[in-house]
Amino acid sequence: MADKQKIAILTSGGDAPGMNAAVRAVVRTALYFDMEVYGVQEGYLGLKEDNIHRLTAGDVGDIIHRGGTMLGTARLPEFASDPMVRRQCYENLRAHGIDGLVVCGGDGSYRGANLVYKESGIKVVGLPGTIDNDLAYTDFTIGFDTAVNTCVDNINKLRDTMASHGRVSVVDVMGRGCGDIAVHSGIAAGAEAILIPEIKKTDNQWLDYLVSKLRTAFARGKKYGIIVMAEGVYATPKMHHFTADYIASWLNANSETIGHRVDARGCVIGHVQRGGSPTATDRILAARMGEEAVSLLREDKGGLCVGIVKNRIIAVEIEKALSMKRRVDKHLIELADILAR
């Protein structure tokens, strides 16, 4: 009888809601096909420290609804820079007889996964676990939908106090250089304006835009305003000062340009976007992607990452996926502008 195929899974980089659902899907699917499956604690650091343990179906029970990752996550910059560190990781995997690895994370995690595949001969499949939705090869990443819903829920709560006091809230959301969280949560929350890094404007151009949008809102009788901005807007040397608090202060000091008294406040939603119970959408996405990752490894395929395009699960070479440039959905931007008039 041939030896059972042995695979492992790790979660790496920033945690994302739905990672646990992905781990559960990989483990349960692998066991269904009579494979042995191992969990690596704390990402690539766990590979280095041989923190690798066999998982059973029971080990992944009662986790589908939990945020975070049961496997933990950590940063290991040396993995990218030090071949000796990577060699130790490969030796630890081989010592357990593991010949397939599932890596759930973002672009940095994928770069590590590609190194494992090219240098060790171990088959590797990536799962897009990041709230930022910044991987261009897939329509959606695991955790994105939950993060958007968290933002909308927070903005809804802000709306209550904004309406009571007649205020404007400038809401900072995550996403690094990708504005998808801002666009989706801004449309869903009925924002007057959405600022994203993909649209290149100077700070003065952005401020003129905000003045125009708030004028329109106040002219039709609205008593408060919602502005959603992606953190990537100010994540450049030229725009580093352009924070939610800065914009709020500028609006307060320049009410006359709007033609209406403005009481604006900045609000940074922050890391709460990474937490919470994953939505049904993220749980189902994680389940579909996790099953596909195991199927690819069963077919002895590696160097691939799983995604979803037009609701179809796809697999793309990791190198190709990393080389693709994310394009902003211009129609959504236009829709946001139309609905805010």
C-alpha atoms as a PDB file:
ATOM      1  CA  MET A   1       0.000   0.000   0.000  1.00  0.00           C
ATOM      2  CA  ALA A   2       1.321   3.396  -0.972  1.00  0.00           C
ATOM      3  CA  ASP A   3       2.107   5.870   1.781  1.00  0.00           C
ATOM      4  CA  LYS A   4      -0.536   8.475   2.462  1.00  0.00           C
ATOM      5  CA  GLN A   5       0.026  11.857   0.906  1.00  0.00           C
ATOM      6  CA  LYS A   6       0.972  14.393   3.572  1.00  0.00           C
ATOM      7  CA  ILE A   7       0.197  18.071   3.301  1.00  0.00           C
ATOM      8  CA  ALA A   8       0.419  21.048   5.643  1.00  0.00           C
ATOM      9  CA  ILE A   9      -1.290  24.413   5.929  1.00  0.00           C
ATOM     10  CA  LEU A  10      -0.092  27.707   7.378  1.00  0.00           C
ATOM     11  CA  THR A  11      -1.603  31.175   7.708  1.00  0.00           C
ATOM     12  CA  SER A  12       0.734  34.107   7.244  1.00  0.00           C
ATOM     13  CA  GLY A  13       0.829  37.899   7.296  1.00  0.00           C
ATOM     14  CA  GLY A  14      -2.097  39.917   8.583  1.00  0.00           C
ATOM     15  CA  ASP A  15      -4.993  37.812   9.813  1.00  0.00           C
ATOM     16  CA  ALA A  16      -8.293  37.917   7.944  1.00  0.00           C
ATOM     17  CA  PRO A  17     -11.779  36.711   8.895  1.00  0.00           C
ATOM     18  CA  GLY A  18     -12.363  33.420   7.122  1.00  0.00           C
ATOM     19  CA  MET A  19      -8.861  32.046   7.590  1.00  0.00           C
ATOM     20  CA  ASN A  20     -10.236  29.528  10.087  1.00  0.00           C
ATOM     21  CA  ALA A  21     -12.915  28.494   7.611  1.00  0.00           C
ATOM     22  CA  ALA A  22     -10.151  27.947   5.043  1.00  0.00           C
ATOM     23  CA  VAL A  23      -8.105  25.837   7.479  1.00  0.00           C
ATOM     24  CA  ARG A  24     -11.198  23.789   8.269  1.00  0.00           C
ATOM     25  CA  ALA A  25     -11.939  23.228   4.582  1.00  0.00           C
ATOM     26  CA  VAL A  26      -8.383  22.112   3.810  1.00  0.00           C
ATOM     27  CA  VAL A  27      -8.230  19.746   6.772  1.00  0.00           C
ATOM     28  CA  ARG A  28     -11.645  18.167   6.272  1.00  0.00           C
ATOM     29  CA  THR A  29     -11.178  17.799   2.498  1.00  0.00           C
ATOM     30  CA  ALA A  30      -7.745  16.239   2.925  1.00  0.00           C
ATOM     31  CA  LEU A  31      -9.024  13.764   5.490  1.00  0.00           C
ATOM     32  CA  TYR A  32     -11.951  12.867   3.231  1.00  0.00           C
ATOM     33  CA  PHE A  33      -9.414  11.807   0.594  1.00  0.00           C
ATOM     34  CA  ASP A  34      -7.415   9.814   3.150  1.00  0.00           C
ATOM     35  CA  MET A  35      -4.509  12.261   3.304  1.00  0.00           C
ATOM     36  CA  GLU A  36      -2.570  13.270   6.392  1.00  0.00           C
ATOM     37  CA  VAL A  37      -2.721  16.966   7.148  1.00  0.00           C
ATOM     38  CA  TYR A  38      -0.558  19.097   9.411  1.00  0.00           C
ATOM     39  CA  GLY A  39      -0.941  22.590  10.805  1.00  0.00           C
ATOM     40  CA  VAL A  40       2.004  24.987  10.989  1.00  0.00           C
ATOM     41  CA  GLN A  41       1.762  27.408  13.903  1.00  0.00           C
ATOM     42  CA  GLU A  42       2.630  31.083  13.354  1.00  0.00           C
ATOM     43  CA  GLY A  43       3.265  30.975   9.627  1.00  0.00           C
ATOM     44  CA  TYR A  44       6.805  30.795   8.262  1.00  0.00           C
ATOM     45  CA  LEU A  45       8.170  31.212  11.788  1.00  0.00           C
ATOM     46  CA  GLY A  46       6.524  27.895  12.642  1.00  0.00           C
ATOM     47  CA  LEU A  47       8.269  26.283   9.687  1.00  0.00           C
ATOM     48  CA  LYS A  48      11.606  27.537  10.955  1.00  0.00           C
ATOM     49  CA  GLU A  49      10.971  26.413  14.518  1.00  0.00           C
ATOM     50  CA  ASP A  50       9.390  23.092  13.500  1.00  0.00           C
ATOM     51  CA  ASN A  51       6.121  24.038  15.166  1.00  0.00           C
ATOM     52  CA  ILE A  52       4.238  21.567  12.993  1.00  0.00           C
ATOM     53  CA  HIS A  53       1.491  19.272  14.292  1.00  0.00           C
ATOM     54  CA  ARG A  54      -0.857  16.727  12.789  1.00  0.00           C
ATOM     55  CA  LEU A  55      -4.496  17.822  12.645  1.00  0.00           C
ATOM     56  CA  THR A  56      -7.683  15.793  12.965  1.00  0.00           C
ATOM     57  CA  ALA A  57     -11.257  16.574  11.991  1.00  0.00           C
ATOM     58  CA  GLY A  58     -11.982  17.393  15.627  1.00  0.00           C
ATOM     59  CA  ASP A  59      -9.150  19.919  15.778  1.00  0.00           C
ATOM     60  CA  VAL A  60     -10.968  22.145  13.300  1.00  0.00           C
ATOM     61  CA  GLY A  61     -14.400  21.778  14.839  1.00  0.00           C
ATOM     62  CA  ASP A  62     -16.139  24.894  16.159  1.00  0.00           C
ATOM     63  CA  ILE A  63     -13.855  27.324  14.295  1.00  0.00           C
ATOM     64  CA  ILE A  64     -15.788  28.169  11.119  1.00  0.00           C
ATOM     65  CA  HIS A  65     -17.468  31.134  12.803  1.00  0.00           C
ATOM     66  CA  ARG A  66     -14.381  32.487  14.536  1.00  0.00           C
ATOM     67  CA  GLY A  67     -12.260  35.384  13.336  1.00  0.00           C
ATOM     68  CA  GLY A  68      -8.471  35.353  13.442  1.00  0.00           C
ATOM     69  CA  THR A  69      -6.595  32.126  12.804  1.00  0.00           C
ATOM     70  CA  MET A  70      -6.306  29.102  15.056  1.00  0.00           C
ATOM     71  CA  LEU A  71      -2.861  28.467  13.597  1.00  0.00           C
ATOM     72  CA  GLY A  72      -1.593  31.922  14.523  1.00  0.00           C
ATOM     73  CA  THR A  73       0.462  34.181  12.297  1.00  0.00           C
ATOM     74  CA  ALA A  74       3.794  35.964  12.585  1.00  0.00           C
ATOM     75  CA  ARG A  75       6.266  37.907  10.479  1.00  0.00           C
ATOM     76  CA  LEU A  76       9.588  36.334   9.474  1.00  0.00           C
ATOM     77  CA  PRO A  77      11.463  38.802   7.212  1.00  0.00           C
ATOM     78  CA  GLU A  78      14.520  36.540   7.228  1.00  0.00           C
ATOM     79  CA  PHE A  79      12.597  33.973   5.216  1.00  0.00           C
ATOM     80  CA  ALA A  80      12.871  36.204   2.162  1.00  0.00           C
ATOM     81  CA  SER A  81      16.450  37.335   2.759  1.00  0.00           C
ATOM     82  CA  ASP A  82      18.285  34.346   4.255  1.00  0.00           C
ATOM     83  CA  PRO A  83      18.632  31.087   2.267  1.00  0.00           C
ATOM     84  CA  MET A  84      19.792  29.264   5.400  1.00  0.00           C
ATOM     85  CA  VAL A  85      16.530  30.102   7.160  1.00  0.00           C
ATOM     86  CA  ARG A  86      14.572  28.767   4.208  1.00  0.00           C
ATOM     87  CA  ARG A  87      16.683  25.613   4.093  1.00  0.00           C
ATOM     88  CA  GLN A  88      15.851  24.904   7.726  1.00  0.00           C
ATOM     89  CA  CYS A  89      12.145  25.327   6.923  1.00  0.00           C
ATOM     90  CA  TYR A  90      12.357  22.863   4.040  1.00  0.00           C
ATOM     91  CA  GLU A  91      14.231  20.324   6.151  1.00  0.00           C
ATOM     92  CA  ASN A  92      11.554  20.527   8.836  1.00  0.00           C
ATOM     93  CA  LEU A  93       8.802  19.893   6.306  1.00  0.00           C
ATOM     94  CA  ARG A  94      10.679  16.926   4.816  1.00  0.00           C
ATOM     95  CA  ALA A  95      11.298  15.484   8.292  1.00  0.00           C
ATOM     96  CA  HIS A  96       7.528  15.149   8.652  1.00  0.00           C
ATOM     97  CA  GLY A  97       7.236  13.638   5.185  1.00  0.00           C
ATOM     98  CA  ILE A  98       5.226  16.618   3.961  1.00  0.00           C
ATOM     99  CA  ASP A  99       5.246  17.081   0.189  1.00  0.00           C
ATOM    100  CA  GLY A 100       2.427  19.613  -0.189  1.00  0.00           C
ATOM    101  CA  LEU A 101       1.864  22.986   1.487  1.00  0.00           C
ATOM    102  CA  VAL A 102      -1.110  25.354   1.504  1.00  0.00           C
ATOM    103  CA  VAL A 103      -0.248  28.983   2.298  1.00  0.00           C
ATOM    104  CA  CYS A 104      -3.104  31.315   3.223  1.00  0.00           C
ATOM    105  CA  GLY A 105      -2.148  34.999   3.172  1.00  0.00           C
ATOM    106  CA  GLY A 106      -1.494  38.063   1.040  1.00  0.00           C
ATOM    107  CA  ASP A 107       1.154  39.063  -1.488  1.00  0.00           C
ATOM    108  CA  GLY A 108       4.078  38.759   0.925  1.00  0.00           C
ATOM    109  CA  SER A 109       2.948  35.277   1.921  1.00  0.00           C
ATOM    110  CA  TYR A 110       2.663  34.364  -1.767  1.00  0.00           C
ATOM    111  CA  ARG A 111       6.237  35.471  -2.416  1.00  0.00           C
ATOM    112  CA  GLY A 112       7.356  33.147   0.351  1.00  0.00           C
ATOM    113  CA  ALA A 113       5.211  30.346  -1.069  1.00  0.00           C
ATOM    114  CA  ASN A 114       6.818  30.801  -4.467  1.00  0.00           C
ATOM    115  CA  LEU A 115      10.282  30.473  -2.929  1.00  0.00           C
ATOM    116  CA  VAL A 116       9.265  27.231  -1.217  1.00  0.00           C
ATOM    117  CA  TYR A 117       7.974  25.824  -4.490  1.00  0.00           C
ATOM    118  CA  LYS A 118      11.012  26.824  -6.565  1.00  0.00           C
ATOM    119  CA  GLU A 119      13.726  25.892  -4.082  1.00  0.00           C
ATOM    120  CA  SER A 120      12.440  22.831  -2.245  1.00  0.00           C
ATOM    121  CA  GLY A 121      10.421  20.853  -4.770  1.00  0.00           C
ATOM    122  CA  ILE A 122       7.511  20.819  -2.304  1.00  0.00           C
ATOM    123  CA  LYS A 123       4.191  21.448  -4.032  1.00  0.00           C
ATOM    124  CA  VAL A 124       2.675  24.737  -2.826  1.00  0.00           C
ATOM    125  CA  VAL A 125      -0.791  26.233  -3.331  1.00  0.00           C
ATOM    126  CA  GLY A 126      -1.779  29.702  -2.163  1.00  0.00           C
ATOM    127  CA  LEU A 127      -5.110  30.865  -0.754  1.00  0.00           C
ATOM    128  CA  PRO A 128      -5.805  34.635  -0.820  1.00  0.00           C
ATOM    129  CA  GLY A 129      -6.329  35.464   2.854  1.00  0.00           C
ATOM    130  CA  THR A 130      -6.304  39.259   3.182  1.00  0.00           C
ATOM    131  CA  ILE A 131      -8.956  41.874   3.904  1.00  0.00           C
ATOM    132  CA  ASP A 132      -7.337  44.312   1.455  1.00  0.00           C
ATOM    133  CA  ASN A 133      -8.608  42.583  -1.728  1.00  0.00           C
ATOM    134  CA  ASP A 134      -5.376  43.713  -3.371  1.00  0.00           C
ATOM    135  CA  LEU A 135      -4.481  40.543  -5.298  1.00  0.00           C
ATOM    136  CA  ALA A 136      -5.283  41.308  -8.920  1.00  0.00           C
ATOM    137  CA  TYR A 137      -5.830  37.766 -10.181  1.00  0.00           C
ATOM    138  CA  THR A 138      -8.954  37.179  -8.075  1.00  0.00           C
ATOM    139  CA  ASP A 139     -12.191  39.135  -7.822  1.00  0.00           C
ATOM    140  CA  PHE A 140     -12.325  38.683  -4.059  1.00  0.00           C
ATOM    141  CA  THR A 141     -10.029  37.602  -1.246  1.00  0.00           C
ATOM    142  CA  ILE A 142     -10.961  35.763   1.938  1.00  0.00           C
ATOM    143  CA  GLY A 143     -11.834  38.334   4.617  1.00  0.00           C
ATOM    144  CA  PHE A 144     -12.688  41.239   2.329  1.00  0.00           C
ATOM    145  CA  ASP A 145     -16.459  40.886   2.591  1.00  0.00           C
ATOM    146  CA  THR A 146     -16.320  40.722   6.389  1.00  0.00           C
ATOM    147  CA  ALA A 147     -14.080  43.792   6.571  1.00  0.00           C
ATOM    148  CA  VAL A 148     -16.490  45.746   4.368  1.00  0.00           C
ATOM    149  CA  ASN A 149     -19.435  44.725   6.537  1.00  0.00           C
ATOM    150  CA  THR A 150     -17.505  45.755   9.666  1.00  0.00           C
ATOM    151  CA  CYS A 151     -16.859  49.181   8.134  1.00  0.00           C
ATOM    152  CA  VAL A 152     -20.489  49.607   7.132  1.00  0.00           C
ATOM    153  CA  ASP A 153     -21.634  48.625  10.621  1.00  0.00           C
ATOM    154  CA  ASN A 154     -19.291  51.180  12.183  1.00  0.00           C
ATOM    155  CA  ILE A 155     -20.341  53.903   9.748  1.00  0.00           C
ATOM    156  CA  ASN A 156     -23.999  53.140  10.497  1.00  0.00           C
ATOM    157  CA  LYS A 157     -23.282  53.742  14.166  1.00  0.00           C
ATOM    158  CA  LEU A 158     -21.433  56.958  13.366  1.00  0.00           C
ATOM    159  CA  ARG A 159     -24.400  58.052  11.272  1.00  0.00           C
ATOM    160  CA  ASP A 160     -26.624  58.129  14.374  1.00  0.00           C
ATOM    161  CA  THR A 161     -24.440  60.633  16.188  1.00  0.00           C
ATOM    162  CA  MET A 162     -23.648  62.578  13.007  1.00  0.00           C
ATOM    163  CA  ALA A 163     -27.345  63.051  12.296  1.00  0.00           C
ATOM    164  CA  SER A 164     -28.001  64.090  15.894  1.00  0.00           C
ATOM    165  CA  HIS A 165     -25.284  66.757  15.901  1.00  0.00           C
ATOM    166  CA  GLY A 166     -25.190  67.710  12.229  1.00  0.00           C
ATOM    167  CA  ARG A 167     -21.593  66.592  11.827  1.00  0.00           C
ATOM    168  CA  VAL A 168     -19.359  65.338   9.040  1.00  0.00           C
ATOM    169  CA  SER A 169     -17.335  62.194   9.680  1.00  0.00           C
ATOM    170  CA  VAL A 170     -14.151  61.494   7.741  1.00  0.00           C
ATOM    171  CA  VAL A 171     -13.757  57.734   8.090  1.00  0.00           C
ATOM    172  CA  ASP A 172     -10.360  56.093   7.531  1.00  0.00           C
ATOM    173  CA  VAL A 173     -10.548  52.450   6.422  1.00  0.00           C
ATOM    174  CA  MET A 174      -7.808  49.911   5.711  1.00  0.00           C
ATOM    175  CA  GLY A 175      -6.618  48.447   2.415  1.00  0.00           C
ATOM    176  CA  ARG A 176      -3.006  49.608   2.036  1.00  0.00           C
ATOM    177  CA  GLY A 177      -2.637  50.686  -1.614  1.00  0.00           C
ATOM    178  CA  CYS A 178      -6.002  49.245  -2.635  1.00  0.00           C
ATOM    179  CA  GLY A 179      -9.194  51.279  -2.301  1.00  0.00           C
ATOM    180  CA  ASP A 180     -11.693  48.416  -2.543  1.00  0.00           C
ATOM    181  CA  ILE A 181     -12.733  48.483   1.124  1.00  0.00           C
ATOM    182  CA  ALA A 182     -13.324  52.226   0.865  1.00  0.00           C
ATOM    183  CA  VAL A 183     -15.315  51.960  -2.374  1.00  0.00           C
ATOM    184  CA  HIS A 184     -17.525  49.068  -1.278  1.00  0.00           C
ATOM    185  CA  SER A 185     -18.167  50.345   2.238  1.00  0.00           C
ATOM    186  CA  GLY A 186     -18.645  53.896   0.968  1.00  0.00           C
ATOM    187  CA  ILE A 187     -21.328  52.854  -1.511  1.00  0.00           C
ATOM    188  CA  ALA A 188     -23.032  50.563   1.014  1.00  0.00           C
ATOM    189  CA  ALA A 189     -23.025  53.289   3.682  1.00  0.00           C
ATOM    190  CA  GLY A 190     -24.211  56.073   1.383  1.00  0.00           C
ATOM    191  CA  ALA A 191     -21.074  58.209   1.606  1.00  0.00           C
ATOM    192  CA  GLU A 192     -20.982  61.672   0.074  1.00  0.00           C
ATOM    193  CA  ALA A 193     -17.383  61.146  -1.058  1.00  0.00           C
ATOM    194  CA  ILE A 194     -14.869  58.317  -1.360  1.00  0.00           C
ATOM    195  CA  LEU A 195     -11.099  58.860  -1.528  1.00  0.00           C
ATOM    196  CA  ILE A 196      -8.899  56.064  -2.873  1.00  0.00           C
ATOM    197  CA  PRO A 197      -5.203  55.871  -3.823  1.00  0.00           C
ATOM    198  CA  GLU A 198      -5.920  54.580  -7.325  1.00  0.00           C
ATOM    199  CA  ILE A 199      -7.298  58.006  -8.253  1.00  0.00           C
ATOM    200  CA  LYS A 200      -4.300  60.327  -8.376  1.00  0.00           C
ATOM    201  CA  LYS A 201      -5.057  63.782  -6.996  1.00  0.00           C
ATOM    202  CA  THR A 202      -3.157  66.359  -5.003  1.00  0.00           C
ATOM    203  CA  ASP A 203      -4.429  67.239  -1.560  1.00  0.00           C
ATOM    204  CA  ASN A 204      -5.899  70.476  -2.918  1.00  0.00           C
ATOM    205  CA  GLN A 205      -7.714  68.581  -5.657  1.00  0.00           C
ATOM    206  CA  TRP A 206      -9.155  66.187  -3.113  1.00  0.00           C
ATOM    207  CA  LEU A 207     -10.243  69.080  -0.889  1.00  0.00           C
ATOM    208  CA  ASP A 208     -11.945  70.813  -3.832  1.00  0.00           C
ATOM    209  CA  TYR A 209     -13.719  67.547  -4.568  1.00  0.00           C
ATOM    210  CA  LEU A 210     -14.925  67.255  -0.970  1.00  0.00           C
ATOM    211  CA  VAL A 211     -16.157  70.845  -0.933  1.00  0.00           C
ATOM    212  CA  SER A 212     -18.153  70.188  -4.095  1.00  0.00           C
ATOM    213  CA  LYS A 213     -19.703  66.981  -2.743  1.00  0.00           C
ATOM    214  CA  LEU A 214     -20.630  68.499   0.620  1.00  0.00           C
ATOM    215  CA  ARG A 215     -22.115  71.586  -1.036  1.00  0.00           C
ATOM    216  CA  THR A 216     -24.364  69.313  -3.084  1.00  0.00           C
ATOM    217  CA  ALA A 217     -25.445  67.331  -0.021  1.00  0.00           C
ATOM    218  CA  PHE A 218     -26.188  70.376   2.111  1.00  0.00           C
ATOM    219  CA  ALA A 219     -27.987  72.131  -0.771  1.00  0.00           C
ATOM    220  CA  ARG A 220     -30.552  69.331  -0.942  1.00  0.00           C
ATOM    221  CA  GLY A 221     -31.191  69.563   2.778  1.00  0.00           C
ATOM    222  CA  LYS A 222     -28.886  66.962   4.277  1.00  0.00           C
ATOM    223  CA  LYS A 223     -27.706  67.867   7.779  1.00  0.00           C
ATOM    224  CA  TYR A 224     -24.590  65.675   8.020  1.00  0.00           C
ATOM    225  CA  GLY A 225     -21.999  64.039   5.794  1.00  0.00           C
ATOM    226  CA  ILE A 226     -19.993  60.846   5.399  1.00  0.00           C
ATOM    227  CA  ILE A 227     -16.563  60.806   3.782  1.00  0.00           C
ATOM    228  CA  VAL A 228     -14.753  57.470   3.432  1.00  0.00           C
ATOM    229  CA  MET A 229     -11.026  57.429   2.692  1.00  0.00           C
ATOM    230  CA  ALA A 230      -8.648  54.534   2.122  1.00  0.00           C
ATOM    231  CA  GLU A 231      -5.495  54.596   4.228  1.00  0.00           C
ATOM    232  CA  GLY A 232      -3.410  54.357   1.048  1.00  0.00           C
ATOM    233  CA  VAL A 233      -4.362  57.918   0.101  1.00  0.00           C
ATOM    234  CA  TYR A 234      -1.913  59.304   2.655  1.00  0.00           C
ATOM    235  CA  ALA A 235       0.604  56.460   2.539  1.00  0.00           C
ATOM    236  CA  THR A 236       2.971  58.382   0.259  1.00  0.00           C
ATOM    237  CA  PRO A 237       5.660  60.964   1.115  1.00  0.00           C
ATOM    238  CA  LYS A 238       3.702  63.737  -0.612  1.00  0.00           C
ATOM    239  CA  MET A 239       0.424  62.924   1.142  1.00  0.00           C
ATOM    240  CA  HIS A 240       1.575  61.664   4.547  1.00  0.00           C
ATOM    241  CA  HIS A 241      -0.160  64.552   6.321  1.00  0.00           C
ATOM    242  CA  PHE A 242      -3.454  63.953   4.527  1.00  0.00           C
ATOM    243  CA  THR A 243      -5.142  61.998   7.318  1.00  0.00           C
ATOM    244  CA  ALA A 244      -8.778  61.866   8.388  1.00  0.00           C
ATOM    245  CA  ASP A 245      -8.042  64.310  11.224  1.00  0.00           C
ATOM    246  CA  TYR A 246      -6.280  66.718   8.852  1.00  0.00           C
ATOM    247  CA  ILE A 247      -9.208  66.712   6.436  1.00  0.00           C
ATOM    248  CA  ALA A 248     -11.697  67.217   9.271  1.00  0.00           C
ATOM    249  CA  SER A 249      -9.694  70.158  10.632  1.00  0.00           C
ATOM    250  CA  TRP A 250      -9.436  71.723   7.177  1.00  0.00           C
ATOM    251  CA  LEU A 251     -13.187  71.416   6.615  1.00  0.00           C
ATOM    252  CA  ASN A 252     -13.873  73.044   9.992  1.00  0.00           C
ATOM    253  CA  ALA A 253     -11.541  75.927   9.172  1.00  0.00           C
ATOM    254  CA  ASN A 254     -12.983  76.443   5.674  1.00  0.00           C
ATOM    255  CA  SER A 255     -16.729  76.224   6.230  1.00  0.00           C
ATOM    256  CA  GLU A 256     -17.259  79.378   4.181  1.00  0.00           C
ATOM    257  CA  THR A 257     -16.096  77.596   1.016  1.00  0.00           C
ATOM    258  CA  ILE A 258     -18.870  75.051   1.545  1.00  0.00           C
ATOM    259  CA  GLY A 259     -21.524  77.612   2.367  1.00  0.00           C
ATOM    260  CA  HIS A 260     -22.615  75.719   5.458  1.00  0.00           C
ATOM    261  CA  ARG A 261     -21.377  75.418   9.032  1.00  0.00           C
ATOM    262  CA  VAL A 262     -19.235  72.303   9.286  1.00  0.00           C
ATOM    263  CA  ASP A 263     -18.450  70.323  12.426  1.00  0.00           C
ATOM    264  CA  ALA A 264     -16.197  67.565  11.093  1.00  0.00           C
ATOM    265  CA  ARG A 265     -14.455  64.755  12.968  1.00  0.00           C
ATOM    266  CA  GLY A 266     -11.901  62.197  11.873  1.00  0.00           C
ATOM    267  CA  CYS A 267     -12.447  58.526  12.684  1.00  0.00           C
ATOM    268  CA  VAL A 268      -9.991  55.657  12.129  1.00  0.00           C
ATOM    269  CA  ILE A 269     -11.781  52.302  12.228  1.00  0.00           C
ATOM    270  CA  GLY A 270      -8.433  50.478  12.503  1.00  0.00           C
ATOM    271  CA  HIS A 271      -7.693  46.832  13.196  1.00  0.00           C
ATOM    272  CA  VAL A 272     -11.241  46.001  14.216  1.00  0.00           C
ATOM    273  CA  GLN A 273     -11.656  45.461  10.453  1.00  0.00           C
ATOM    274  CA  ARG A 274      -9.511  42.345  10.711  1.00  0.00           C
ATOM    275  CA  GLY A 275     -11.605  40.786  13.445  1.00  0.00           C
ATOM    276  CA  GLY A 276     -15.066  39.430  13.989  1.00  0.00           C
ATOM    277  CA  SER A 277     -17.021  36.425  12.831  1.00  0.00           C
ATOM    278  CA  PRO A 278     -16.667  35.981   9.051  1.00  0.00           C
ATOM    279  CA  THR A 279     -19.717  36.586   6.906  1.00  0.00           C
ATOM    280  CA  ALA A 280     -21.466  33.726   5.141  1.00  0.00           C
ATOM    281  CA  THR A 281     -19.892  34.971   1.910  1.00  0.00           C
ATOM    282  CA  ASP A 282     -16.370  34.663   3.325  1.00  0.00           C
ATOM    283  CA  ARG A 283     -17.069  31.262   4.883  1.00  0.00           C
ATOM    284  CA  ILE A 284     -18.355  29.846   1.598  1.00  0.00           C
ATOM    285  CA  LEU A 285     -15.504  31.412  -0.372  1.00  0.00           C
ATOM    286  CA  ALA A 286     -12.964  29.911   2.050  1.00  0.00           C
ATOM    287  CA  ALA A 287     -14.630  26.511   1.795  1.00  0.00           C
ATOM    288  CA  ARG A 288     -14.596  26.513  -2.012  1.00  0.00           C
ATOM    289  CA  MET A 289     -11.006  27.706  -2.200  1.00  0.00           C
ATOM    290  CA  GLY A 290      -9.785  25.294   0.479  1.00  0.00           C
ATOM    291  CA  GLU A 291     -11.307  22.333  -1.337  1.00  0.00           C
ATOM    292  CA  GLU A 292      -9.674  23.444  -4.597  1.00  0.00           C
ATOM    293  CA  ALA A 293      -6.262  23.771  -2.935  1.00  0.00           C
ATOM    294  CA  VAL A 294      -6.431  20.148  -1.763  1.00  0.00           C
ATOM    295  CA  SER A 295      -7.633  18.994  -5.183  1.00  0.00           C
ATOM    296  CA  LEU A 296      -4.622  20.641  -6.834  1.00  0.00           C
ATOM    297  CA  LEU A 297      -2.214  18.977  -4.410  1.00  0.00           C
ATOM    298  CA  ARG A 298      -3.895  15.602  -4.957  1.00  0.00           C
ATOM    299  CA  GLU A 299      -3.179  16.092  -8.664  1.00  0.00           C
ATOM    300  CA  ASP A 300       0.474  16.768  -7.787  1.00  0.00           C
ATOM    301  CA  LYS A 301       0.213  20.389  -8.911  1.00  0.00           C
ATOM    302  CA  GLY A 302       2.032  23.268  -7.254  1.00  0.00           C
ATOM    303  CA  GLY A 303       3.223  26.809  -7.743  1.00  0.00           C
ATOM    304  CA  LEU A 304      -0.407  27.877  -8.022  1.00  0.00           C
ATOM    305  CA  CYS A 305      -2.795  30.119  -6.145  1.00  0.00           C
ATOM    306  CA  VAL A 306      -6.556  29.757  -5.964  1.00  0.00           C
ATOM    307  CA  GLY A 307      -8.921  32.603  -6.801  1.00  0.00           C
ATOM    308  CA  ILE A 308     -12.445  33.383  -7.906  1.00  0.00           C
ATOM    309  CA  VAL A 309     -13.443  35.137 -11.141  1.00  0.00           C
ATOM    310  CA  LYS A 310     -17.101  35.668 -12.058  1.00  0.00           C
ATOM    311  CA  ASN A 311     -18.016  33.195  -9.286  1.00  0.00           C
ATOM    312  CA  ARG A 312     -15.820  30.448 -10.779  1.00  0.00           C
ATOM    313  CA  ILE A 313     -12.935  29.006  -8.771  1.00  0.00           C
ATOM    314  CA  ILE A 314      -9.711  29.311 -10.746  1.00  0.00           C
ATOM    315  CA  ALA A 315      -6.015  28.546 -10.294  1.00  0.00           C
ATOM    316  CA  VAL A 316      -3.217  30.827 -11.489  1.00  0.00           C
ATOM    317  CA  GLU A 317       0.550  30.502 -11.318  1.00  0.00           C
ATOM    318  CA  ILE A 318       1.789  32.363  -8.261  1.00  0.00           C
ATOM    319  CA  GLU A 319       4.392  34.290 -10.259  1.00  0.00           C
ATOM    320  CA  LYS A 320       1.785  35.404 -12.751  1.00  0.00           C
ATOM    321  CA  ALA A 321      -0.629  36.399  -9.987  1.00  0.00           C
ATOM    322  CA  LEU A 322       2.018  38.555  -8.299  1.00  0.00           C
ATOM    323  CA  SER A 323       2.883  40.284 -11.563  1.00  0.00           C
ATOM    324  CA  MET A 324      -0.688  41.347 -12.285  1.00  0.00           C
ATOM    325  CA  LYS A 325      -1.645  44.943 -11.536  1.00  0.00           C
ATOM    326  CA  ARG A 326      -4.861  45.592  -9.663  1.00  0.00           C
ATOM    327  CA  ARG A 327      -7.323  47.739 -11.601  1.00  0.00           C
ATOM    328  CA  VAL A 328      -9.917  49.872  -9.893  1.00  0.00           C
ATOM    329  CA  ASP A 329     -13.523  49.241 -10.873  1.00  0.00           C
ATOM    330  CA  LYS A 330     -14.302  52.541 -12.592  1.00  0.00           C
ATOM    331  CA  HIS A 331     -17.991  51.742 -12.821  1.00  0.00           C
ATOM    332  CA  LEU A 332     -18.229  51.477  -9.040  1.00  0.00           C
ATOM    333  CA  ILE A 333     -16.511  54.845  -8.680  1.00  0.00           C
ATOM    334  CA  GLU A 334     -18.990  56.367 -11.128  1.00  0.00           C
ATOM    335  CA  LEU A 335     -21.869  54.708  -9.314  1.00  0.00           C
ATOM    336  CA  ALA A 336     -20.719  56.136  -5.978  1.00  0.00           C
ATOM    337  CA  ASP A 337     -20.599  59.603  -7.522  1.00  0.00           C
ATOM    338  CA  ILE A 338     -24.064  59.263  -9.075  1.00  0.00           C
ATOM    339  CA  LEU A 339     -25.681  58.027  -5.864  1.00  0.00           C
ATOM    340  CA  ALA A 340     -24.139  60.833  -3.799  1.00  0.00           C
ATOM    341  CA  ARG A 341     -25.687  63.619  -5.901  1.00  0.00           C
END
